[in-house]
């Protein structure tokens, strides 16, 4: 049936491309979560009135975040080729896309983390301070738990952006559905392949959105 509808589709290649898209998205999302939390915490803690108030450090971190957010992802991949080659040993394949995916998405998520932390009731933070809580206690017992629903929502938005990034990375040989759609569909003018890849990417977006919304709603105490 599928062969009749999509005569140019190779199911094994499609399965491999789908797996690579999931692989790149999940691994990059894990790295983005860790790095984004660190960036967001630094931005929040060093801001005016923050626990580690430090105007200079805040400006440096904010500048780094803003610069990497401003660079179009396809250009960022090209800029990171030497770093990727040094780190991974190649500039092709799903693993080679991971540094650019994480570096491209983490600053975006870092800003969302900062916004989520700013929404935490300052009274709760002040109460923890008045009881003599140390900074790490405030971070792990107050700030992160209280902001977790917003953090998960932000991570969901970031995951969807990452899926788009993987498609762009595929155009320059990173693998995944973007790679399959471009090299085996568009360049060969086999648009049934492009169509199926597009539908699969949309389905993957819906999967991540559903999971993210479900977890966020479960964590929301309101």
Protein backbone atom coordinates (compact mmCIF):
# COMPACT_ATOMS: atom_id res chain seq x y z
CA UNK A 1 0.00 0.00 0.00
CA UNK A 2 2.75 2.43 1.02
CA UNK A 3 4.78 1.48 -2.05
CA UNK A 4 1.84 2.45 -4.26
CA UNK A 5 1.30 5.79 -2.49
CA UNK A 6 5.01 6.61 -2.08
CA UNK A 7 6.92 4.67 -4.78
CA UNK A 8 10.28 6.28 -4.04
CA UNK A 9 10.22 5.62 -0.29
CA UNK A 10 12.76 3.20 1.20
CA UNK A 11 11.39 2.03 4.55
CA UNK A 12 14.79 1.06 5.94
CA UNK A 13 16.25 4.47 5.10
CA UNK A 14 13.17 6.15 6.57
CA UNK A 15 13.47 4.12 9.80
CA UNK A 16 17.18 5.03 10.08
CA UNK A 17 16.47 8.72 9.44
CA UNK A 18 13.66 8.77 12.04
CA UNK A 19 15.90 7.06 14.60
CA UNK A 20 18.68 9.58 13.94
CA UNK A 21 16.26 12.50 14.41
CA UNK A 22 15.07 11.10 17.76
CA UNK A 23 18.68 10.38 18.77
CA UNK A 24 19.92 13.88 17.98
CA UNK A 25 16.90 15.55 19.61
CA UNK A 26 16.98 13.54 22.87
CA UNK A 27 20.76 13.70 23.41
CA UNK A 28 20.90 17.40 22.49
CA UNK A 29 17.91 18.10 24.74
CA UNK A 30 19.67 16.49 27.71
CA UNK A 31 22.79 18.58 27.10
CA UNK A 32 20.69 21.71 26.53
CA UNK A 33 18.81 21.12 29.80
CA UNK A 34 22.02 20.93 31.85
CA UNK A 35 23.79 23.86 30.16
CA UNK A 36 20.60 25.94 29.98
CA UNK A 37 19.91 25.47 33.71
CA UNK A 38 23.46 26.61 34.50
CA UNK A 39 23.17 29.68 32.26
CA UNK A 40 19.72 30.55 33.61
CA UNK A 41 20.86 30.20 37.22
CA UNK A 42 23.90 32.39 36.55
CA UNK A 43 21.72 35.07 34.95
CA UNK A 44 19.25 34.95 37.84
CA UNK A 45 21.69 34.74 40.73
CA UNK A 46 24.01 37.51 39.47
CA UNK A 47 21.27 39.99 38.51
CA UNK A 48 20.56 43.12 40.55
CA UNK A 49 19.20 42.00 43.91
CA UNK A 50 20.27 38.40 43.27
CA UNK A 51 22.00 36.15 45.80
CA UNK A 52 25.31 36.47 43.92
CA UNK A 53 24.70 40.00 42.65
CA UNK A 54 27.55 40.73 40.25
CA UNK A 55 26.92 43.22 37.48
CA UNK A 56 30.09 42.39 35.52
CA UNK A 57 29.53 38.62 35.54
CA UNK A 58 25.87 39.10 34.66
CA UNK A 59 26.81 41.26 31.68
CA UNK A 60 29.34 38.67 30.47
CA UNK A 61 26.89 35.76 30.73
CA UNK A 62 24.09 37.82 29.16
CA UNK A 63 26.38 38.83 26.28
CA UNK A 64 27.36 35.20 25.60
CA UNK A 65 23.72 34.13 25.66
CA UNK A 66 22.62 36.97 23.38
CA UNK A 67 25.44 36.43 20.87
CA UNK A 68 24.73 32.71 20.42
CA UNK A 69 20.97 33.33 20.27
CA UNK A 70 21.55 35.87 17.49
CA UNK A 71 23.57 33.56 15.22
CA UNK A 72 21.37 31.69 12.69
CA UNK A 73 21.67 27.97 13.37
CA UNK A 74 22.86 26.99 9.89
CA UNK A 75 25.72 29.51 10.19
CA UNK A 76 26.52 28.33 13.73
CA UNK A 77 27.03 24.79 12.41
CA UNK A 78 29.53 26.08 9.85
CA UNK A 79 31.35 28.19 12.46
CA UNK A 80 31.65 25.18 14.76
CA UNK A 81 33.07 22.81 12.11
CA UNK A 82 36.68 23.04 13.43
CA UNK A 83 35.51 22.56 17.04
CA UNK A 84 33.23 19.67 16.04
CA UNK A 85 36.01 17.99 14.04
CA UNK A 86 38.37 18.31 17.02
CA UNK A 87 35.80 17.05 19.54
CA UNK A 88 34.02 14.31 17.55
CA UNK A 89 36.61 13.52 14.89
CA UNK A 90 34.23 14.15 11.99
CA UNK A 91 31.84 16.81 10.72
CA UNK A 92 29.28 14.36 9.34
CA UNK A 93 26.67 12.19 11.02
CA UNK A 94 24.32 12.57 14.02
CA UNK A 95 27.10 12.76 16.62
CA UNK A 96 28.78 15.58 14.75
CA UNK A 97 25.57 17.63 14.95
CA UNK A 98 25.34 17.42 18.75
CA UNK A 99 27.82 20.21 19.69
CA UNK A 100 26.07 22.72 17.40
CA UNK A 101 22.61 21.59 18.55
CA UNK A 102 23.48 22.01 22.23
CA UNK A 103 25.39 25.28 21.80
CA UNK A 104 22.61 26.63 19.60
CA UNK A 105 19.72 25.69 21.90
CA UNK A 106 21.21 26.14 25.40
CA UNK A 107 21.30 29.98 25.34
CA UNK A 108 17.66 30.03 24.21
CA UNK A 109 16.68 27.68 27.03
CA UNK A 110 18.88 29.61 29.47
CA UNK A 111 16.72 32.71 28.93
CA UNK A 112 13.57 30.66 29.51
CA UNK A 113 15.10 29.32 32.74
CA UNK A 114 15.88 32.86 33.87
CA UNK A 115 12.28 33.92 33.20
CA UNK A 116 10.96 30.87 35.08
CA UNK A 117 13.16 31.61 38.10
CA UNK A 118 12.05 35.24 38.18
CA UNK A 119 8.46 34.04 38.52
CA UNK A 120 9.22 32.22 41.79
CA UNK A 121 7.63 34.05 44.74
CA UNK A 122 10.36 36.22 46.27
CA UNK A 123 8.74 35.74 49.66
CA UNK A 124 9.56 32.02 49.55
CA UNK A 125 13.20 32.78 48.72
CA UNK A 126 13.42 35.40 51.48
CA UNK A 127 11.87 32.97 53.97
CA UNK A 128 14.53 30.38 53.11
CA UNK A 129 17.26 33.01 53.54
CA UNK A 130 15.89 34.10 56.93
CA UNK A 131 16.07 30.48 58.12
CA UNK A 132 19.76 30.41 57.25
CA UNK A 133 19.50 28.31 54.10
CA UNK A 134 22.68 28.20 52.04
CA UNK A 135 22.72 29.08 48.35
CA UNK A 136 22.77 25.47 47.13
CA UNK A 137 19.80 24.70 49.41
CA UNK A 138 17.85 27.64 48.00
CA UNK A 139 18.64 26.52 44.46
CA UNK A 140 17.77 22.85 44.85
CA UNK A 141 15.02 23.04 47.49
CA UNK A 142 13.29 26.29 46.52
CA UNK A 143 14.10 27.79 43.12
CA UNK A 144 14.20 24.69 40.91
CA UNK A 145 11.24 22.83 42.51
CA UNK A 146 9.05 25.95 42.53
CA UNK A 147 9.83 26.77 38.90
CA UNK A 148 9.75 23.17 37.60
CA UNK A 149 6.44 23.40 35.63
CA UNK A 150 7.73 26.49 33.79
CA UNK A 151 11.13 24.81 33.27
CA UNK A 152 9.45 21.79 31.68
CA UNK A 153 7.27 24.02 29.48
CA UNK A 154 10.39 25.88 28.36
CA UNK A 155 12.16 22.59 27.70
CA UNK A 156 9.23 21.49 25.55
CA UNK A 157 9.47 24.66 23.46
CA UNK A 158 13.23 24.09 23.17
CA UNK A 159 12.73 20.45 22.12
CA UNK A 160 10.48 21.57 19.26
CA UNK A 161 13.09 24.12 18.17
CA UNK A 162 15.73 21.35 18.32
CA UNK A 163 13.67 19.15 16.00
CA UNK A 164 13.78 21.99 13.48
CA UNK A 165 17.52 22.37 14.05
CA UNK A 166 18.10 18.67 13.34
CA UNK A 167 16.33 19.08 10.00
CA UNK A 168 18.62 22.01 9.11
CA UNK A 169 21.68 20.06 10.27
CA UNK A 170 20.61 17.20 8.01
CA UNK A 171 21.01 19.41 4.94
CA UNK A 172 24.78 19.50 5.56
CA UNK A 173 25.14 15.81 6.25
CA UNK A 174 24.13 15.30 9.88
CA UNK A 175 21.66 12.55 9.07
CA UNK A 176 18.06 12.37 10.22
CA UNK A 177 14.84 13.20 8.41
CA UNK A 178 16.18 16.53 7.15
CA UNK A 179 19.06 14.73 5.49
CA UNK A 180 16.79 12.09 3.96
CA UNK A 181 14.25 14.67 2.74
CA UNK A 182 16.91 16.86 1.14
CA UNK A 183 19.34 14.38 -0.42
CA UNK A 184 16.97 11.52 -1.28
CA UNK A 185 13.83 13.59 -1.84
CA UNK A 186 14.45 17.16 -2.96
CA UNK A 187 17.68 16.66 -4.92
CA UNK A 188 16.22 13.67 -6.78
CA UNK A 189 12.89 15.46 -7.24
CA UNK A 190 11.14 12.63 -5.40
CA UNK A 191 8.69 14.78 -3.50
CA UNK A 192 6.80 11.86 -1.98
CA UNK A 193 9.90 11.34 0.18
CA UNK A 194 9.89 15.03 1.20
CA UNK A 195 6.19 14.79 2.06
CA UNK A 196 6.57 11.70 4.27
CA UNK A 197 9.57 13.21 6.08
CA UNK A 198 7.57 16.39 6.71
CA UNK A 199 4.65 14.42 8.15
CA UNK A 200 6.98 12.43 10.41
CA UNK A 201 8.64 15.60 11.72
CA UNK A 202 5.19 17.04 12.52
CA UNK A 203 4.28 13.81 14.36
CA UNK A 204 7.51 13.96 16.38
CA UNK A 205 6.76 17.58 17.31
CA UNK A 206 3.30 16.54 18.53
CA UNK A 207 4.81 13.69 20.57
CA UNK A 208 7.25 16.00 22.36
CA UNK A 209 4.55 18.64 22.89
CA UNK A 210 2.16 16.07 24.40
CA UNK A 211 4.81 14.62 26.74
CA UNK A 212 5.98 18.09 27.81
CA UNK A 213 2.45 19.34 28.48
CA UNK A 214 1.58 16.16 30.40
CA UNK A 215 4.63 16.40 32.69
CA UNK A 216 4.21 20.16 33.20
CA UNK A 217 0.53 19.74 34.16
CA UNK A 218 1.39 16.94 36.60
CA UNK A 219 4.03 19.11 38.30
CA UNK A 220 1.87 22.23 38.45
CA UNK A 221 0.51 22.56 42.00
CA UNK A 222 -1.96 25.30 41.16
